[in-house]
Amino acid sequence: MKREEKEQIVAGVSETVRKAHGMFFTDFTGLTVEQATELRREFHKAGVDYRVVKNTLIQKALEQVTGYDGVYGKLAGPTGVAFAFEDPVVPARIIQKFSEKHKRLSLKVCVLEHQVFEGSRLAELAKLPSRKEVMASILGSVQAPLAGVPTVINAVIRDIVSLVDEIGRKKAA
């Protein structure tokens, strides 16, 4: 590979790193071509970019972005990187499910919102709520008090009507 090609790869990966909310560095040793294709297909369906790049080029790309020193020590052997752009937890779920099924894929290290996590924490990361679930929870928390407002207003109106009705009855009697 020529130097210019390497520079283009490093520039492309560093740009992807800047955009990504999550990066999952996997060891795909022992995967068959069919299994690798299946994994790529699962990532693609979920909107995750999965690439296999030389460790030295990945490290150079990470050095351009800075803040990823904790990853460098894990860049050994075959490395595939899953980049999550919208929901940083999706790749963890895919890797967890895939590794349970095939027993060949393992997580070396992952980075979520610039925090580095060891690969041994995959099960914990896969259980985290997705971005949509968190947003729905927040929205539900905000809407819950608002949903009670019409009930309170109706109760006040009902009480006022009852009071006026009672006063009307007393005056009539």
C-alpha atoms as a PDB file:
ATOM      1  CA  MET A   1       0.000   0.000   0.000  1.00  0.00           C
ATOM      2  CA  LYS A   2       1.374   3.378  -0.982  1.00  0.00           C
ATOM      3  CA  ARG A   3       1.845   6.229   1.457  1.00  0.00           C
ATOM      4  CA  GLU A   4      -0.885   8.314  -0.219  1.00  0.00           C
ATOM      5  CA  GLU A   5      -3.388   5.462   0.162  1.00  0.00           C
ATOM      6  CA  LYS A   6      -2.495   5.116   3.835  1.00  0.00           C
ATOM      7  CA  GLU A   7      -2.907   8.861   4.365  1.00  0.00           C
ATOM      8  CA  GLN A   8      -6.345   8.737   2.729  1.00  0.00           C
ATOM      9  CA  ILE A   9      -7.385   5.821   4.943  1.00  0.00           C
ATOM     10  CA  VAL A  10      -6.148   7.609   8.073  1.00  0.00           C
ATOM     11  CA  ALA A  11      -7.975  10.810   7.066  1.00  0.00           C
ATOM     12  CA  GLY A  12     -11.190   8.875   6.362  1.00  0.00           C
ATOM     13  CA  VAL A  13     -11.046   6.945   9.636  1.00  0.00           C
ATOM     14  CA  SER A  14     -10.242  10.063  11.682  1.00  0.00           C
ATOM     15  CA  GLU A  15     -13.223  11.855  10.121  1.00  0.00           C
ATOM     16  CA  THR A  16     -15.440   8.867  10.967  1.00  0.00           C
ATOM     17  CA  VAL A  17     -14.095   8.891  14.541  1.00  0.00           C
ATOM     18  CA  ARG A  18     -15.044  12.570  14.896  1.00  0.00           C
ATOM     19  CA  LYS A  19     -18.629  11.837  13.805  1.00  0.00           C
ATOM     20  CA  ALA A  20     -19.102   8.651  15.829  1.00  0.00           C
ATOM     21  CA  HIS A  21     -20.771   8.570  19.243  1.00  0.00           C
ATOM     22  CA  GLY A  22     -19.503   5.060  19.866  1.00  0.00           C
ATOM     23  CA  MET A  23     -16.657   2.849  18.622  1.00  0.00           C
ATOM     24  CA  PHE A  24     -16.375  -0.871  19.265  1.00  0.00           C
ATOM     25  CA  PHE A  25     -13.032  -2.564  18.567  1.00  0.00           C
ATOM     26  CA  THR A  26     -13.542  -6.274  17.932  1.00  0.00           C
ATOM     27  CA  ASP A  27     -11.322  -9.306  17.472  1.00  0.00           C
ATOM     28  CA  PHE A  28     -12.771 -11.373  14.648  1.00  0.00           C
ATOM     29  CA  THR A  29     -10.190 -14.199  14.738  1.00  0.00           C
ATOM     30  CA  GLY A  30     -11.718 -17.456  13.551  1.00  0.00           C
ATOM     31  CA  LEU A  31     -14.769 -16.047  11.809  1.00  0.00           C
ATOM     32  CA  THR A  32     -15.618 -17.677   8.524  1.00  0.00           C
ATOM     33  CA  VAL A  33     -16.384 -15.558   5.480  1.00  0.00           C
ATOM     34  CA  GLU A  34     -20.093 -16.353   5.878  1.00  0.00           C
ATOM     35  CA  GLN A  35     -20.047 -15.309   9.531  1.00  0.00           C
ATOM     36  CA  ALA A  36     -18.176 -12.084   8.741  1.00  0.00           C
ATOM     37  CA  THR A  37     -20.700 -11.324   6.007  1.00  0.00           C
ATOM     38  CA  GLU A  38     -23.559 -11.997   8.426  1.00  0.00           C
ATOM     39  CA  LEU A  39     -21.964  -9.659  10.982  1.00  0.00           C
ATOM     40  CA  ARG A  40     -21.500  -6.891   8.417  1.00  0.00           C
ATOM     41  CA  ARG A  41     -25.117  -7.339   7.300  1.00  0.00           C
ATOM     42  CA  GLU A  42     -26.381  -6.966  10.898  1.00  0.00           C
ATOM     43  CA  PHE A  43     -24.306  -3.827  11.384  1.00  0.00           C
ATOM     44  CA  HIS A  44     -25.493  -2.393   8.078  1.00  0.00           C
ATOM     45  CA  LYS A  45     -29.173  -2.988   8.971  1.00  0.00           C
ATOM     46  CA  ALA A  46     -28.634  -1.070  12.213  1.00  0.00           C
ATOM     47  CA  GLY A  47     -26.898   1.869  10.508  1.00  0.00           C
ATOM     48  CA  VAL A  48     -23.496   0.990  11.971  1.00  0.00           C
ATOM     49  CA  ASP A  49     -20.318   1.385   9.908  1.00  0.00           C
ATOM     50  CA  TYR A  50     -18.015  -1.635  10.373  1.00  0.00           C
ATOM     51  CA  ARG A  51     -14.477  -1.525   9.005  1.00  0.00           C
ATOM     52  CA  VAL A  52     -11.365  -3.646   9.174  1.00  0.00           C
ATOM     53  CA  VAL A  53      -8.305  -1.402   9.110  1.00  0.00           C
ATOM     54  CA  LYS A  54      -4.665  -1.996  10.013  1.00  0.00           C
ATOM     55  CA  ASN A  55      -3.981  -1.292  13.675  1.00  0.00           C
ATOM     56  CA  THR A  56      -1.240   1.218  12.894  1.00  0.00           C
ATOM     57  CA  LEU A  57      -3.602   3.197  10.648  1.00  0.00           C
ATOM     58  CA  ILE A  58      -6.364   3.130  13.269  1.00  0.00           C
ATOM     59  CA  GLN A  59      -3.913   4.386  15.876  1.00  0.00           C
ATOM     60  CA  LYS A  60      -2.738   7.223  13.627  1.00  0.00           C
ATOM     61  CA  ALA A  61      -6.354   8.211  12.987  1.00  0.00           C
ATOM     62  CA  LEU A  62      -7.100   8.179  16.728  1.00  0.00           C
ATOM     63  CA  GLU A  63      -3.988  10.261  17.414  1.00  0.00           C
ATOM     64  CA  GLN A  64      -5.295  12.942  15.039  1.00  0.00           C
ATOM     65  CA  VAL A  65      -8.516  13.208  17.035  1.00  0.00           C
ATOM     66  CA  THR A  66      -6.877  12.889  20.509  1.00  0.00           C
ATOM     67  CA  GLY A  67      -8.374  11.576  23.719  1.00  0.00           C
ATOM     68  CA  TYR A  68      -8.198   7.896  22.868  1.00  0.00           C
ATOM     69  CA  ASP A  69      -4.935   6.894  24.571  1.00  0.00           C
ATOM     70  CA  GLY A  70      -6.692   4.052  26.431  1.00  0.00           C
ATOM     71  CA  VAL A  71      -7.385   2.273  23.145  1.00  0.00           C
ATOM     72  CA  TYR A  72      -3.820   2.049  21.813  1.00  0.00           C
ATOM     73  CA  GLY A  73      -2.816  -0.898  24.005  1.00  0.00           C
ATOM     74  CA  LYS A  74      -5.722  -2.974  22.671  1.00  0.00           C
ATOM     75  CA  LEU A  75      -4.772  -2.547  19.026  1.00  0.00           C
ATOM     76  CA  ALA A  76      -3.142  -5.913  18.434  1.00  0.00           C
ATOM     77  CA  GLY A  77      -4.169  -8.760  16.182  1.00  0.00           C
ATOM     78  CA  PRO A  78      -7.080  -8.625  13.764  1.00  0.00           C
ATOM     79  CA  THR A  79      -9.228  -5.594  14.576  1.00  0.00           C
ATOM     80  CA  GLY A  80     -12.595  -4.582  13.217  1.00  0.00           C
ATOM     81  CA  VAL A  81     -14.148  -1.298  14.279  1.00  0.00           C
ATOM     82  CA  ALA A  82     -17.878  -0.654  14.512  1.00  0.00           C
ATOM     83  CA  PHE A  83     -18.759   3.041  14.409  1.00  0.00           C
ATOM     84  CA  ALA A  84     -22.128   4.063  15.868  1.00  0.00           C
ATOM     85  CA  PHE A  85     -23.455   7.426  14.781  1.00  0.00           C
ATOM     86  CA  GLU A  86     -27.021   7.726  16.082  1.00  0.00           C
ATOM     87  CA  ASP A  87     -27.331   5.247  18.936  1.00  0.00           C
ATOM     88  CA  PRO A  88     -24.017   4.313  20.564  1.00  0.00           C
ATOM     89  CA  VAL A  89     -25.400   1.185  22.257  1.00  0.00           C
ATOM     90  CA  VAL A  90     -26.628  -0.647  19.137  1.00  0.00           C
ATOM     91  CA  PRO A  91     -23.241  -2.198  18.227  1.00  0.00           C
ATOM     92  CA  ALA A  92     -22.899  -3.617  21.770  1.00  0.00           C
ATOM     93  CA  ARG A  93     -26.184  -5.472  21.343  1.00  0.00           C
ATOM     94  CA  ILE A  94     -25.216  -6.785  17.924  1.00  0.00           C
ATOM     95  CA  ILE A  95     -21.772  -7.921  19.110  1.00  0.00           C
ATOM     96  CA  GLN A  96     -23.270  -9.546  22.233  1.00  0.00           C
ATOM     97  CA  LYS A  97     -25.895 -11.444  20.213  1.00  0.00           C
ATOM     98  CA  PHE A  98     -23.386 -12.447  17.538  1.00  0.00           C
ATOM     99  CA  SER A  99     -20.743 -13.636  20.015  1.00  0.00           C
ATOM    100  CA  GLU A 100     -23.335 -15.731  21.874  1.00  0.00           C
ATOM    101  CA  LYS A 101     -24.350 -17.345  18.600  1.00  0.00           C
ATOM    102  CA  HIS A 102     -20.918 -17.965  17.059  1.00  0.00           C
ATOM    103  CA  LYS A 103     -18.482 -17.819  20.030  1.00  0.00           C
ATOM    104  CA  ARG A 104     -15.813 -16.330  17.751  1.00  0.00           C
ATOM    105  CA  LEU A 105     -16.240 -12.572  17.961  1.00  0.00           C
ATOM    106  CA  SER A 106     -14.941 -10.738  21.014  1.00  0.00           C
ATOM    107  CA  LEU A 107     -14.876  -7.115  22.073  1.00  0.00           C
ATOM    108  CA  LYS A 108     -11.412  -5.728  22.794  1.00  0.00           C
ATOM    109  CA  VAL A 109     -12.409  -2.258  23.933  1.00  0.00           C
ATOM    110  CA  CYS A 110     -15.102   0.286  23.216  1.00  0.00           C
ATOM    111  CA  VAL A 111     -15.473   4.031  23.401  1.00  0.00           C
ATOM    112  CA  LEU A 112     -18.830   5.634  24.187  1.00  0.00           C
ATOM    113  CA  GLU A 113     -18.996   9.425  24.089  1.00  0.00           C
ATOM    114  CA  HIS A 114     -15.199   9.640  24.601  1.00  0.00           C
ATOM    115  CA  GLN A 115     -15.153   7.237  27.572  1.00  0.00           C
ATOM    116  CA  VAL A 116     -13.122   4.045  27.182  1.00  0.00           C
ATOM    117  CA  PHE A 117     -14.591   0.754  28.450  1.00  0.00           C
ATOM    118  CA  GLU A 118     -12.923  -2.663  28.602  1.00  0.00           C
ATOM    119  CA  GLY A 119     -14.313  -5.379  26.351  1.00  0.00           C
ATOM    120  CA  SER A 120     -15.193  -7.481  29.408  1.00  0.00           C
ATOM    121  CA  ARG A 121     -18.040  -5.015  30.103  1.00  0.00           C
ATOM    122  CA  LEU A 122     -19.883  -5.937  26.884  1.00  0.00           C
ATOM    123  CA  ALA A 123     -22.855  -7.474  28.706  1.00  0.00           C
ATOM    124  CA  GLU A 124     -23.324  -4.306  30.777  1.00  0.00           C
ATOM    125  CA  LEU A 125     -23.080  -2.080  27.721  1.00  0.00           C
ATOM    126  CA  ALA A 126     -25.548  -4.217  25.766  1.00  0.00           C
ATOM    127  CA  LYS A 127     -28.115  -3.747  28.563  1.00  0.00           C
ATOM    128  CA  LEU A 128     -27.948   0.049  28.451  1.00  0.00           C
ATOM    129  CA  PRO A 129     -31.115   1.680  27.127  1.00  0.00           C
ATOM    130  CA  SER A 130     -31.027   2.949  23.581  1.00  0.00           C
ATOM    131  CA  ARG A 131     -31.163   6.637  22.810  1.00  0.00           C
ATOM    132  CA  LYS A 132     -34.839   6.302  21.757  1.00  0.00           C
ATOM    133  CA  GLU A 133     -35.701   4.576  25.046  1.00  0.00           C
ATOM    134  CA  VAL A 134     -33.994   7.304  27.065  1.00  0.00           C
ATOM    135  CA  MET A 135     -35.771  10.025  25.069  1.00  0.00           C
ATOM    136  CA  ALA A 136     -39.129   8.277  25.544  1.00  0.00           C
ATOM    137  CA  SER A 137     -38.498   8.013  29.275  1.00  0.00           C
ATOM    138  CA  ILE A 138     -37.645  11.706  29.537  1.00  0.00           C
ATOM    139  CA  LEU A 139     -40.661  12.661  27.452  1.00  0.00           C
ATOM    140  CA  GLY A 140     -42.898  10.465  29.609  1.00  0.00           C
ATOM    141  CA  SER A 141     -41.536  12.117  32.748  1.00  0.00           C
ATOM    142  CA  VAL A 142     -42.243  15.556  31.318  1.00  0.00           C
ATOM    143  CA  GLN A 143     -45.711  14.629  30.049  1.00  0.00           C
ATOM    144  CA  ALA A 144     -46.892  12.890  33.233  1.00  0.00           C
ATOM    145  CA  PRO A 145     -47.421  16.094  35.245  1.00  0.00           C
ATOM    146  CA  LEU A 146     -48.938  17.811  32.218  1.00  0.00           C
ATOM    147  CA  ALA A 147     -51.426  14.965  31.778  1.00  0.00           C
ATOM    148  CA  GLY A 148     -52.741  15.623  35.294  1.00  0.00           C
ATOM    149  CA  VAL A 149     -53.436  19.315  34.631  1.00  0.00           C
ATOM    150  CA  PRO A 150     -56.754  18.775  32.755  1.00  0.00           C
ATOM    151  CA  THR A 151     -57.945  16.465  35.542  1.00  0.00           C
ATOM    152  CA  VAL A 152     -57.196  19.089  38.190  1.00  0.00           C
ATOM    153  CA  ILE A 153     -58.869  21.834  36.141  1.00  0.00           C
ATOM    154  CA  ASN A 154     -61.941  19.650  35.587  1.00  0.00           C
ATOM    155  CA  ALA A 155     -62.102  18.904  39.322  1.00  0.00           C
ATOM    156  CA  VAL A 156     -61.980  22.620  40.168  1.00  0.00           C
ATOM    157  CA  ILE A 157     -64.682  23.407  37.608  1.00  0.00           C
ATOM    158  CA  ARG A 158     -66.807  20.512  38.906  1.00  0.00           C
ATOM    159  CA  ASP A 159     -66.411  21.808  42.473  1.00  0.00           C
ATOM    160  CA  ILE A 160     -67.346  25.360  41.428  1.00  0.00           C
ATOM    161  CA  VAL A 161     -70.426  24.066  39.576  1.00  0.00           C
ATOM    162  CA  SER A 162     -71.418  21.994  42.626  1.00  0.00           C
ATOM    163  CA  LEU A 163     -70.938  25.039  44.875  1.00  0.00           C
ATOM    164  CA  VAL A 164     -73.016  27.300  42.605  1.00  0.00           C
ATOM    165  CA  ASP A 165     -75.690  24.596  42.371  1.00  0.00           C
ATOM    166  CA  GLU A 166     -75.756  24.232  46.165  1.00  0.00           C
ATOM    167  CA  ILE A 167     -76.023  28.029  46.635  1.00  0.00           C
ATOM    168  CA  GLY A 168     -78.867  28.080  44.081  1.00  0.00           C
ATOM    169  CA  ARG A 169     -80.714  25.398  46.014  1.00  0.00           C
ATOM    170  CA  LYS A 170     -80.304  27.232  49.336  1.00  0.00           C
ATOM    171  CA  LYS A 171     -81.570  30.513  47.867  1.00  0.00           C
ATOM    172  CA  ALA A 172     -84.520  28.741  46.274  1.00  0.00           C
ATOM    173  CA  ALA A 173     -85.418  27.123  49.626  1.00  0.00           C
END
